[in-house]
PDB file of N, CA and C in Angstrom:
ATOM      1  N   MET A   1     -16.208   0.424  -4.269  1.00  0.00           N
ATOM      2  CA  MET A   1     -15.672  -1.045  -4.297  1.00  0.00           C
ATOM      3  C   MET A   1     -15.799  -1.443  -5.339  1.00  0.00           C
ATOM      4  N   THR A   2     -14.673  -2.466  -6.360  1.00  0.00           N
ATOM      5  CA  THR A   2     -15.280  -2.751  -7.479  1.00  0.00           C
ATOM      6  C   THR A   2     -15.235  -3.967  -7.523  1.00  0.00           C
ATOM      7  N   ASN A   3     -15.753  -4.949  -8.607  1.00  0.00           N
ATOM      8  CA  ASN A   3     -16.245  -6.494  -8.432  1.00  0.00           C
ATOM      9  C   ASN A   3     -14.731  -7.004  -8.155  1.00  0.00           C
ATOM     10  N   VAL A   4     -13.497  -6.720  -8.946  1.00  0.00           N
ATOM     11  CA  VAL A   4     -12.202  -7.396  -8.422  1.00  0.00           C
ATOM     12  C   VAL A   4     -12.337  -7.233  -6.951  1.00  0.00           C
ATOM     13  N   GLU A   5     -12.372  -6.474  -6.259  1.00  0.00           N
ATOM     14  CA  GLU A   5     -12.244  -6.227  -4.639  1.00  0.00           C
ATOM     15  C   GLU A   5     -13.169  -6.894  -4.304  1.00  0.00           C
ATOM     16  N   ILE A   6     -14.133  -7.405  -4.489  1.00  0.00           N
ATOM     17  CA  ILE A   6     -15.277  -8.292  -4.031  1.00  0.00           C
ATOM     18  C   ILE A   6     -14.932  -9.532  -4.227  1.00  0.00           C
ATOM     19  N   GLU A   7     -14.623  -9.976  -5.483  1.00  0.00           N
ATOM     20  CA  GLU A   7     -14.149 -11.181  -5.454  1.00  0.00           C
ATOM     21  C   GLU A   7     -13.004 -11.841  -4.481  1.00  0.00           C
ATOM     22  N   LYS A   8     -12.404 -10.840  -4.396  1.00  0.00           N
ATOM     23  CA  LYS A   8     -10.665 -10.865  -3.537  1.00  0.00           C
ATOM     24  C   LYS A   8     -11.297 -11.180  -1.998  1.00  0.00           C
ATOM     25  N   LEU A   9     -12.056 -10.218  -1.622  1.00  0.00           N
ATOM     26  CA  LEU A   9     -12.636 -10.587  -0.155  1.00  0.00           C
ATOM     27  C   LEU A   9     -12.999 -11.852  -0.175  1.00  0.00           C
ATOM     28  N   VAL A  10     -14.161 -11.891  -1.080  1.00  0.00           N
ATOM     29  CA  VAL A  10     -14.831 -13.395  -0.838  1.00  0.00           C
ATOM     30  C   VAL A  10     -14.003 -14.476  -0.779  1.00  0.00           C
ATOM     31  N   ASN A  11     -13.089 -14.649  -1.839  1.00  0.00           N
ATOM     32  CA  ASN A  11     -12.081 -15.635  -1.879  1.00  0.00           C
ATOM     33  C   ASN A  11     -11.212 -15.871  -0.735  1.00  0.00           C
ATOM     34  N   ASN A  12     -10.656 -14.598   0.326  1.00  0.00           N
ATOM     35  CA  ASN A  12      -9.948 -14.379   0.995  1.00  0.00           C
ATOM     36  C   ASN A  12     -10.774 -15.134   2.172  1.00  0.00           C
ATOM     37  N   LEU A  13     -11.519 -14.331   2.517  1.00  0.00           N
ATOM     38  CA  LEU A  13     -12.590 -14.773   3.704  1.00  0.00           C
ATOM     39  C   LEU A  13     -12.914 -16.430   3.606  1.00  0.00           C
ATOM     40  N   LEU A  14     -13.229 -17.206   2.430  1.00  0.00           N
ATOM     41  CA  LEU A  14     -13.983 -18.125   2.055  1.00  0.00           C
ATOM     42  C   LEU A  14     -12.795 -19.316   2.241  1.00  0.00           C
ATOM     43  N   SER A  15     -11.366 -18.766   1.742  1.00  0.00           N
ATOM     44  CA  SER A  15      -9.946 -19.601   1.775  1.00  0.00           C
ATOM     45  C   SER A  15      -9.527 -19.707   3.575  1.00  0.00           C
ATOM     46  N   ASP A  16      -9.967 -18.582   4.261  1.00  0.00           N
ATOM     47  CA  ASP A  16      -9.892 -18.888   5.903  1.00  0.00           C
ATOM     48  C   ASP A  16     -10.722 -19.899   6.321  1.00  0.00           C
ATOM     49  N   TYR A  17     -12.018 -19.730   5.924  1.00  0.00           N
ATOM     50  CA  TYR A  17     -12.931 -20.655   6.164  1.00  0.00           C
ATOM     51  C   TYR A  17     -12.564 -22.306   6.195  1.00  0.00           C
ATOM     52  N   CYS A  18     -12.301 -22.474   5.011  1.00  0.00           N
ATOM     53  CA  CYS A  18     -11.985 -23.688   4.367  1.00  0.00           C
ATOM     54  C   CYS A  18     -10.589 -24.106   5.103  1.00  0.00           C
ATOM     55  N   LYS A  19      -9.483 -23.413   5.310  1.00  0.00           N
ATOM     56  CA  LYS A  19      -8.302 -23.573   6.174  1.00  0.00           C
ATOM     57  C   LYS A  19      -8.481 -23.748   7.656  1.00  0.00           C
ATOM     58  N   ASN A  20      -9.626 -23.137   8.107  1.00  0.00           N
ATOM     59  CA  ASN A  20     -10.008 -23.330   9.855  1.00  0.00           C
ATOM     60  C   ASN A  20     -11.065 -24.627   9.775  1.00  0.00           C
ATOM     61  N   ASN A  21     -11.427 -25.021   8.850  1.00  0.00           N
ATOM     62  CA  ASN A  21     -12.264 -26.304   9.135  1.00  0.00           C
ATOM     63  C   ASN A  21     -12.060 -27.365   7.982  1.00  0.00           C
ATOM     64  N   ASP A  22     -10.582 -27.634   7.771  1.00  0.00           N
ATOM     65  CA  ASP A  22      -9.888 -28.407   7.132  1.00  0.00           C
ATOM     66  C   ASP A  22     -10.835 -28.986   5.815  1.00  0.00           C
ATOM     67  N   ILE A  23     -11.087 -28.071   5.170  1.00  0.00           N
ATOM     68  CA  ILE A  23     -11.914 -28.125   3.670  1.00  0.00           C
ATOM     69  C   ILE A  23     -10.483 -27.929   2.619  1.00  0.00           C
ATOM     70  N   ASP A  24     -10.466 -28.956   1.852  1.00  0.00           N
ATOM     71  CA  ASP A  24      -9.604 -28.716   0.885  1.00  0.00           C
ATOM     72  C   ASP A  24     -10.090 -28.470  -0.474  1.00  0.00           C
ATOM     73  N   VAL A  25     -10.579 -27.661  -1.043  1.00  0.00           N
ATOM     74  CA  VAL A  25     -10.971 -27.075  -2.174  1.00  0.00           C
ATOM     75  C   VAL A  25     -10.185 -26.230  -2.838  1.00  0.00           C
ATOM     76  N   GLU A  26     -10.272 -25.990  -4.071  1.00  0.00           N
ATOM     77  CA  GLU A  26      -9.694 -24.519  -5.142  1.00  0.00           C
ATOM     78  C   GLU A  26     -11.318 -24.013  -4.982  1.00  0.00           C
ATOM     79  N   ILE A  27     -10.853 -22.830  -5.215  1.00  0.00           N
ATOM     80  CA  ILE A  27     -11.806 -21.572  -4.629  1.00  0.00           C
ATOM     81  C   ILE A  27     -12.022 -21.052  -6.293  1.00  0.00           C
ATOM     82  N   ALA A  28     -13.128 -20.844  -6.789  1.00  0.00           N
ATOM     83  CA  ALA A  28     -13.698 -20.436  -8.328  1.00  0.00           C
ATOM     84  C   ALA A  28     -14.704 -19.820  -8.142  1.00  0.00           C
ATOM     85  N   LYS A  29     -14.910 -19.467  -9.145  1.00  0.00           N
ATOM     86  CA  LYS A  29     -16.226 -18.761  -9.179  1.00  0.00           C
ATOM     87  C   LYS A  29     -17.754 -19.589  -9.350  1.00  0.00           C
ATOM     88  N   GLU A  30     -16.782 -20.840 -10.147  1.00  0.00           N
ATOM     89  CA  GLU A  30     -18.283 -22.080 -10.075  1.00  0.00           C
ATOM     90  C   GLU A  30     -18.336 -22.640  -8.678  1.00  0.00           C
ATOM     91  N   THR A  31     -17.288 -22.710  -7.699  1.00  0.00           N
ATOM     92  CA  THR A  31     -17.366 -23.422  -6.536  1.00  0.00           C
ATOM     93  C   THR A  31     -18.703 -23.157  -5.992  1.00  0.00           C
ATOM     94  N   PRO A  32     -19.167 -24.318  -5.740  1.00  0.00           N
ATOM     95  CA  PRO A  32     -20.740 -24.263  -4.902  1.00  0.00           C
ATOM     96  C   PRO A  32     -20.433 -23.958  -3.413  1.00  0.00           C
ATOM     97  N   LEU A  33     -21.441 -23.382  -3.122  1.00  0.00           N
ATOM     98  CA  LEU A  33     -21.165 -22.945  -1.567  1.00  0.00           C
ATOM     99  C   LEU A  33     -22.419 -23.767  -0.638  1.00  0.00           C
ATOM    100  N   ILE A  34     -23.825 -23.811  -1.605  1.00  0.00           N
ATOM    101  CA  ILE A  34     -24.579 -24.569  -1.118  1.00  0.00           C
ATOM    102  C   ILE A  34     -25.060 -25.430  -2.051  1.00  0.00           C
ATOM    103  N   GLY A  35     -25.882 -26.538  -1.499  1.00  0.00           N
ATOM    104  CA  GLY A  35     -26.170 -27.324  -2.337  1.00  0.00           C
ATOM    105  C   GLY A  35     -25.734 -28.807  -2.299  1.00  0.00           C
ATOM    106  N   SER A  36     -25.842 -29.617  -3.634  1.00  0.00           N
ATOM    107  CA  SER A  36     -25.193 -31.088  -3.049  1.00  0.00           C
ATOM    108  C   SER A  36     -23.807 -31.040  -3.024  1.00  0.00           C
ATOM    109  N   ASN A  37     -23.170 -30.477  -4.076  1.00  0.00           N
ATOM    110  CA  ASN A  37     -21.693 -30.246  -3.889  1.00  0.00           C
ATOM    111  C   ASN A  37     -21.086 -29.058  -3.039  1.00  0.00           C
ATOM    112  N   ARG A  38     -21.796 -28.831  -1.979  1.00  0.00           N
ATOM    113  CA  ARG A  38     -21.606 -27.679  -0.706  1.00  0.00           C
ATOM    114  C   ARG A  38     -20.282 -27.722  -0.694  1.00  0.00           C
ATOM    115  N   ILE A  39     -19.322 -26.671  -0.002  1.00  0.00           N
ATOM    116  CA  ILE A  39     -18.648 -26.846   0.759  1.00  0.00           C
ATOM    117  C   ILE A  39     -18.887 -26.142   2.013  1.00  0.00           C
ATOM    118  N   LEU A  40     -19.854 -25.141   2.438  1.00  0.00           N
ATOM    119  CA  LEU A  40     -20.545 -24.724   3.626  1.00  0.00           C
ATOM    120  C   LEU A  40     -21.813 -25.839   3.847  1.00  0.00           C
ATOM    121  N   ASP A  41     -21.725 -25.646   5.321  1.00  0.00           N
ATOM    122  CA  ASP A  41     -23.197 -26.103   5.632  1.00  0.00           C
ATOM    123  C   ASP A  41     -23.561 -24.773   6.302  1.00  0.00           C
ATOM    124  N   SER A  42     -24.878 -24.543   6.701  1.00  0.00           N
ATOM    125  CA  SER A  42     -26.054 -23.540   6.801  1.00  0.00           C
ATOM    126  C   SER A  42     -25.215 -22.530   8.007  1.00  0.00           C
ATOM    127  N   ILE A  43     -24.292 -23.082   9.266  1.00  0.00           N
ATOM    128  CA  ILE A  43     -23.829 -22.273  10.001  1.00  0.00           C
ATOM    129  C   ILE A  43     -22.304 -21.453   9.025  1.00  0.00           C
ATOM    130  N   GLY A  44     -21.841 -22.310   8.324  1.00  0.00           N
ATOM    131  CA  GLY A  44     -20.913 -21.754   7.229  1.00  0.00           C
ATOM    132  C   GLY A  44     -20.991 -20.792   6.910  1.00  0.00           C
ATOM    133  N   LEU A  45     -22.202 -20.777   6.331  1.00  0.00           N
ATOM    134  CA  LEU A  45     -23.109 -19.721   5.354  1.00  0.00           C
ATOM    135  C   LEU A  45     -23.058 -18.585   6.108  1.00  0.00           C
ATOM    136  N   VAL A  46     -24.074 -18.884   7.140  1.00  0.00           N
ATOM    137  CA  VAL A  46     -24.175 -17.612   7.813  1.00  0.00           C
ATOM    138  C   VAL A  46     -22.527 -16.667   8.293  1.00  0.00           C
ATOM    139  N   ASN A  47     -22.051 -17.519   8.857  1.00  0.00           N
ATOM    140  CA  ASN A  47     -20.485 -17.328   9.542  1.00  0.00           C
ATOM    141  C   ASN A  47     -19.770 -16.408   8.284  1.00  0.00           C
ATOM    142  N   LEU A  48     -19.837 -16.979   6.853  1.00  0.00           N
ATOM    143  CA  LEU A  48     -19.201 -16.152   5.927  1.00  0.00           C
ATOM    144  C   LEU A  48     -19.830 -14.981   5.616  1.00  0.00           C
ATOM    145  N   LEU A  49     -21.176 -14.225   5.351  1.00  0.00           N
ATOM    146  CA  LEU A  49     -22.241 -13.478   5.212  1.00  0.00           C
ATOM    147  C   LEU A  49     -21.660 -12.477   6.384  1.00  0.00           C
ATOM    148  N   VAL A  50     -21.590 -13.325   7.372  1.00  0.00           N
ATOM    149  CA  VAL A  50     -21.412 -11.921   8.361  1.00  0.00           C
ATOM    150  C   VAL A  50     -19.827 -11.408   8.572  1.00  0.00           C
ATOM    151  N   ASP A  51     -19.192 -12.405   8.070  1.00  0.00           N
ATOM    152  CA  ASP A  51     -17.539 -12.064   7.675  1.00  0.00           C
ATOM    153  C   ASP A  51     -17.709 -10.829   6.449  1.00  0.00           C
ATOM    154  N   ILE A  52     -18.042 -10.780   6.066  1.00  0.00           N
ATOM    155  CA  ILE A  52     -18.390  -9.858   4.370  1.00  0.00           C
ATOM    156  C   ILE A  52     -18.721  -8.536   4.905  1.00  0.00           C
ATOM    157  N   GLU A  53     -19.713  -8.823   5.574  1.00  0.00           N
ATOM    158  CA  GLU A  53     -20.461  -7.739   6.267  1.00  0.00           C
ATOM    159  C   GLU A  53     -19.470  -7.264   7.366  1.00  0.00           C
ATOM    160  N   THR A  54     -18.933  -7.592   7.577  1.00  0.00           N
ATOM    161  CA  THR A  54     -18.208  -7.026   8.888  1.00  0.00           C
ATOM    162  C   THR A  54     -16.592  -6.319   8.038  1.00  0.00           C
ATOM    163  N   THR A  55     -16.309  -7.424   7.534  1.00  0.00           N
ATOM    164  CA  THR A  55     -15.366  -6.400   6.794  1.00  0.00           C
ATOM    165  C   THR A  55     -15.615  -5.260   6.241  1.00  0.00           C
ATOM    166  N   LEU A  56     -16.698  -5.194   5.129  1.00  0.00           N
ATOM    167  CA  LEU A  56     -17.398  -4.153   4.570  1.00  0.00           C
ATOM    168  C   LEU A  56     -17.461  -2.600   5.609  1.00  0.00           C
ATOM    169  N   LEU A  57     -17.798  -3.549   6.579  1.00  0.00           N
ATOM    170  CA  LEU A  57     -18.133  -2.815   7.466  1.00  0.00           C
ATOM    171  C   LEU A  57     -16.856  -1.513   8.363  1.00  0.00           C
ATOM    172  N   ASP A  58     -15.960  -2.485   8.124  1.00  0.00           N
ATOM    173  CA  ASP A  58     -14.752  -1.744   8.591  1.00  0.00           C
ATOM    174  C   ASP A  58     -14.407  -0.767   7.365  1.00  0.00           C
ATOM    175  N   ASP A  59     -14.893  -0.954   6.517  1.00  0.00           N
ATOM    176  CA  ASP A  59     -14.324   0.001   5.383  1.00  0.00           C
ATOM    177  C   ASP A  59     -15.597   0.906   5.004  1.00  0.00           C
ATOM    178  N   ASP A  60     -16.556   1.084   6.227  1.00  0.00           N
ATOM    179  CA  ASP A  60     -17.544   1.972   5.864  1.00  0.00           C
ATOM    180  C   ASP A  60     -18.438   1.879   4.749  1.00  0.00           C
ATOM    181  N   ILE A  61     -18.378   0.503   4.434  1.00  0.00           N
ATOM    182  CA  ILE A  61     -19.548   0.350   3.658  1.00  0.00           C
ATOM    183  C   ILE A  61     -20.670  -0.972   4.282  1.00  0.00           C
ATOM    184  N   GLU A  62     -21.800  -0.242   4.342  1.00  0.00           N
ATOM    185  CA  GLU A  62     -22.440  -0.888   5.311  1.00  0.00           C
ATOM    186  C   GLU A  62     -23.736  -1.646   4.391  1.00  0.00           C
ATOM    187  N   VAL A  63     -23.887  -2.969   4.287  1.00  0.00           N
ATOM    188  CA  VAL A  63     -24.729  -3.784   3.307  1.00  0.00           C
ATOM    189  C   VAL A  63     -25.262  -4.899   4.128  1.00  0.00           C
ATOM    190  N   SER A  64     -26.397  -5.326   3.738  1.00  0.00           N
ATOM    191  CA  SER A  64     -27.022  -6.439   4.513  1.00  0.00           C
ATOM    192  C   SER A  64     -27.387  -7.891   3.664  1.00  0.00           C
ATOM    193  N   LEU A  65     -26.508  -8.725   3.694  1.00  0.00           N
ATOM    194  CA  LEU A  65     -26.494  -9.887   2.806  1.00  0.00           C
ATOM    195  C   LEU A  65     -27.252 -10.887   3.306  1.00  0.00           C
ATOM    196  N   THR A  66     -28.244 -10.644   4.508  1.00  0.00           N
ATOM    197  CA  THR A  66     -29.185 -11.641   5.007  1.00  0.00           C
ATOM    198  C   THR A  66     -30.385 -11.227   4.852  1.00  0.00           C
ATOM    199  N   THR A  67     -30.978 -10.424   4.051  1.00  0.00           N
ATOM    200  CA  THR A  67     -32.422 -10.425   3.673  1.00  0.00           C
ATOM    201  C   THR A  67     -33.338 -11.560   3.687  1.00  0.00           C
ATOM    202  N   GLU A  68     -34.695 -11.188   3.712  1.00  0.00           N
ATOM    203  CA  GLU A  68     -35.639 -12.054   3.902  1.00  0.00           C
ATOM    204  C   GLU A  68     -35.725 -12.757   2.115  1.00  0.00           C
ATOM    205  N   ASN A  69     -35.444 -11.674   1.639  1.00  0.00           N
ATOM    206  CA  ASN A  69     -35.639 -11.786  -0.168  1.00  0.00           C
ATOM    207  C   ASN A  69     -34.731 -12.672  -0.614  1.00  0.00           C
ATOM    208  N   ALA A  70     -33.193 -12.495  -0.286  1.00  0.00           N
ATOM    209  CA  ALA A  70     -32.179 -13.220  -0.379  1.00  0.00           C
ATOM    210  C   ALA A  70     -32.254 -14.523   0.038  1.00  0.00           C
ATOM    211  N   MET A  71     -32.718 -14.911   1.360  1.00  0.00           N
ATOM    212  CA  MET A  71     -32.536 -16.261   2.011  1.00  0.00           C
ATOM    213  C   MET A  71     -33.991 -17.118   1.363  1.00  0.00           C
ATOM    214  N   SER A  72     -35.209 -16.411   1.167  1.00  0.00           N
ATOM    215  CA  SER A  72     -35.958 -17.213   0.315  1.00  0.00           C
ATOM    216  C   SER A  72     -36.009 -17.113  -1.195  1.00  0.00           C
ATOM    217  N   ALA A  73     -35.101 -16.668  -1.770  1.00  0.00           N
ATOM    218  CA  ALA A  73     -35.226 -16.582  -3.477  1.00  0.00           C
ATOM    219  C   ALA A  73     -35.242 -17.806  -3.925  1.00  0.00           C
ATOM    220  N   ARG A  74     -35.920 -17.803  -4.765  1.00  0.00           N
ATOM    221  CA  ARG A  74     -36.054 -19.354  -5.699  1.00  0.00           C
ATOM    222  C   ARG A  74     -34.945 -20.002  -6.373  1.00  0.00           C
ATOM    223  N   ILE A  75     -33.768 -18.846  -6.964  1.00  0.00           N
ATOM    224  CA  ILE A  75     -32.607 -19.201  -7.338  1.00  0.00           C
ATOM    225  C   ILE A  75     -31.877 -18.289  -6.268  1.00  0.00           C
ATOM    226  N   SER A  76     -31.101 -19.138  -5.508  1.00  0.00           N
ATOM    227  CA  SER A  76     -30.258 -18.334  -4.165  1.00  0.00           C
ATOM    228  C   SER A  76     -29.051 -18.040  -5.077  1.00  0.00           C
ATOM    229  N   PRO A  77     -28.883 -16.669  -3.988  1.00  0.00           N
ATOM    230  CA  PRO A  77     -27.576 -15.871  -4.565  1.00  0.00           C
ATOM    231  C   PRO A  77     -26.332 -16.379  -4.020  1.00  0.00           C
ATOM    232  N   TYR A  78     -26.550 -17.632  -3.115  1.00  0.00           N
ATOM    233  CA  TYR A  78     -25.554 -18.217  -2.190  1.00  0.00           C
ATOM    234  C   TYR A  78     -25.104 -19.163  -2.770  1.00  0.00           C
ATOM    235  N   ARG A  79     -25.538 -19.746  -4.082  1.00  0.00           N
ATOM    236  CA  ARG A  79     -25.643 -20.861  -4.414  1.00  0.00           C
ATOM    237  C   ARG A  79     -24.034 -21.292  -4.885  1.00  0.00           C
ATOM    238  N   SER A  80     -22.907 -19.944  -5.621  1.00  0.00           N
ATOM    239  CA  SER A  80     -21.714 -20.143  -5.781  1.00  0.00           C
ATOM    240  C   SER A  80     -20.838 -18.797  -5.665  1.00  0.00           C
ATOM    241  N   VAL A  81     -19.544 -19.138  -5.603  1.00  0.00           N
ATOM    242  CA  VAL A  81     -18.978 -18.134  -5.000  1.00  0.00           C
ATOM    243  C   VAL A  81     -19.236 -16.623  -6.435  1.00  0.00           C
ATOM    244  N   GLY A  82     -19.555 -17.018  -7.600  1.00  0.00           N
ATOM    245  CA  GLY A  82     -19.766 -15.974  -8.233  1.00  0.00           C
ATOM    246  C   GLY A  82     -21.239 -15.429  -8.380  1.00  0.00           C
ATOM    247  N   SER A  83     -21.767 -16.188  -8.004  1.00  0.00           N
ATOM    248  CA  SER A  83     -23.167 -15.674  -7.433  1.00  0.00           C
ATOM    249  C   SER A  83     -23.277 -14.992  -6.445  1.00  0.00           C
ATOM    250  N   LEU A  84     -22.379 -15.305  -5.351  1.00  0.00           N
ATOM    251  CA  LEU A  84     -22.561 -14.044  -4.246  1.00  0.00           C
ATOM    252  C   LEU A  84     -21.644 -12.937  -4.483  1.00  0.00           C
ATOM    253  N   CYS A  85     -20.848 -13.225  -5.262  1.00  0.00           N
ATOM    254  CA  CYS A  85     -19.802 -11.807  -5.578  1.00  0.00           C
ATOM    255  C   CYS A  85     -20.762 -10.701  -6.171  1.00  0.00           C
ATOM    256  N   ARG A  86     -21.813 -11.716  -7.421  1.00  0.00           N
ATOM    257  CA  ARG A  86     -22.898 -10.611  -8.170  1.00  0.00           C
ATOM    258  C   ARG A  86     -23.841 -10.124  -7.376  1.00  0.00           C
ATOM    259  N   PHE A  87     -23.963 -10.724  -6.216  1.00  0.00           N
ATOM    260  CA  PHE A  87     -25.293 -10.355  -5.074  1.00  0.00           C
ATOM    261  C   PHE A  87     -24.876  -9.317  -4.267  1.00  0.00           C
ATOM    262  N   ILE A  88     -23.167  -9.706  -3.854  1.00  0.00           N
ATOM    263  CA  ILE A  88     -22.757  -7.997  -3.439  1.00  0.00           C
ATOM    264  C   ILE A  88     -22.695  -7.103  -4.126  1.00  0.00           C
ATOM    265  N   ALA A  89     -21.969  -6.921  -5.647  1.00  0.00           N
ATOM    266  CA  ALA A  89     -22.067  -5.989  -6.051  1.00  0.00           C
ATOM    267  C   ALA A  89     -23.450  -5.510  -6.126  1.00  0.00           C
ATOM    268  N   GLN A  90     -24.483  -6.290  -6.769  1.00  0.00           N
ATOM    269  CA  GLN A  90     -25.952  -5.623  -6.833  1.00  0.00           C
ATOM    270  C   GLN A  90     -26.397  -4.854  -5.432  1.00  0.00           C
ATOM    271  N   GLN A  91     -26.064  -5.601  -4.163  1.00  0.00           N
ATOM    272  CA  GLN A  91     -26.551  -4.655  -3.158  1.00  0.00           C
ATOM    273  C   GLN A  91     -25.346  -3.550  -3.059  1.00  0.00           C
ATOM    274  N   LEU A  92     -24.627  -3.655  -3.358  1.00  0.00           N
ATOM    275  CA  LEU A  92     -23.948  -1.875  -3.496  1.00  0.00           C
ATOM    276  C   LEU A  92     -23.774  -1.066  -4.767  1.00  0.00           C
ATOM    277  N   GLU A  93     -24.635  -1.715  -5.689  1.00  0.00           N
ATOM    278  CA  GLU A  93     -25.039  -1.013  -7.022  1.00  0.00           C
ATOM    279  C   GLU A  93     -24.076  -1.075  -7.539  1.00  0.00           C
ATOM    280  N   ILE A  94     -23.238  -1.779  -7.988  1.00  0.00           N
ATOM    281  CA  ILE A  94     -21.977  -1.657  -8.594  1.00  0.00           C
ATOM    282  C   ILE A  94     -22.223  -3.031  -9.976  1.00  0.00           C
ATOM    283  N   LYS A  95     -21.934  -2.548 -11.130  1.00  0.00           N
ATOM    284  CA  LYS A  95     -22.212  -2.600 -12.311  1.00  0.00           C
ATOM    285  C   LYS A  95     -21.473  -4.120 -12.691  1.00  0.00           C
ATOM    286  N   THR A  96     -22.150  -5.245 -12.773  1.00  0.00           N
ATOM    287  CA  THR A  96     -21.588  -6.300 -13.029  1.00  0.00           C
ATOM    288  C   THR A  96     -21.378  -7.018 -14.445  1.00  0.00           C
ATOM    289  N   ASP A  97     -20.327  -7.980 -14.854  1.00  0.00           N
ATOM    290  CA  ASP A  97     -19.811  -7.940 -16.122  1.00  0.00           C
ATOM    291  C   ASP A  97     -20.783  -9.249 -16.830  1.00  0.00           C
ATOM    292  N   GLU A  98     -21.700 -10.005 -15.872  1.00  0.00           N
ATOM    293  CA  GLU A  98     -22.758 -10.753 -16.428  1.00  0.00           C
ATOM    294  C   GLU A  98     -24.239 -10.101 -16.402  1.00  0.00           C
TER     295      GLU A  98
END
């Protein structure tokens, strides 16, 4: 799986979440997922992560995005769309652009 495929996957699933929850937001790498201007509450974040894991598993890619280290990291990998995509790439050991 490439970085572009990861971004497309995350954007599609996040877009679906926003549509289902009447959230009108333009999704970009900088879009905050958590924090003061977040678009996800804690349940929304967990649902998104599970949806990503399930979609990857459908392609025989097994990954855990809810590790204790990730959940308690000082700088959260869930803070934005871009940081989540980088975190997924790291979990899959894909070289990132940054």
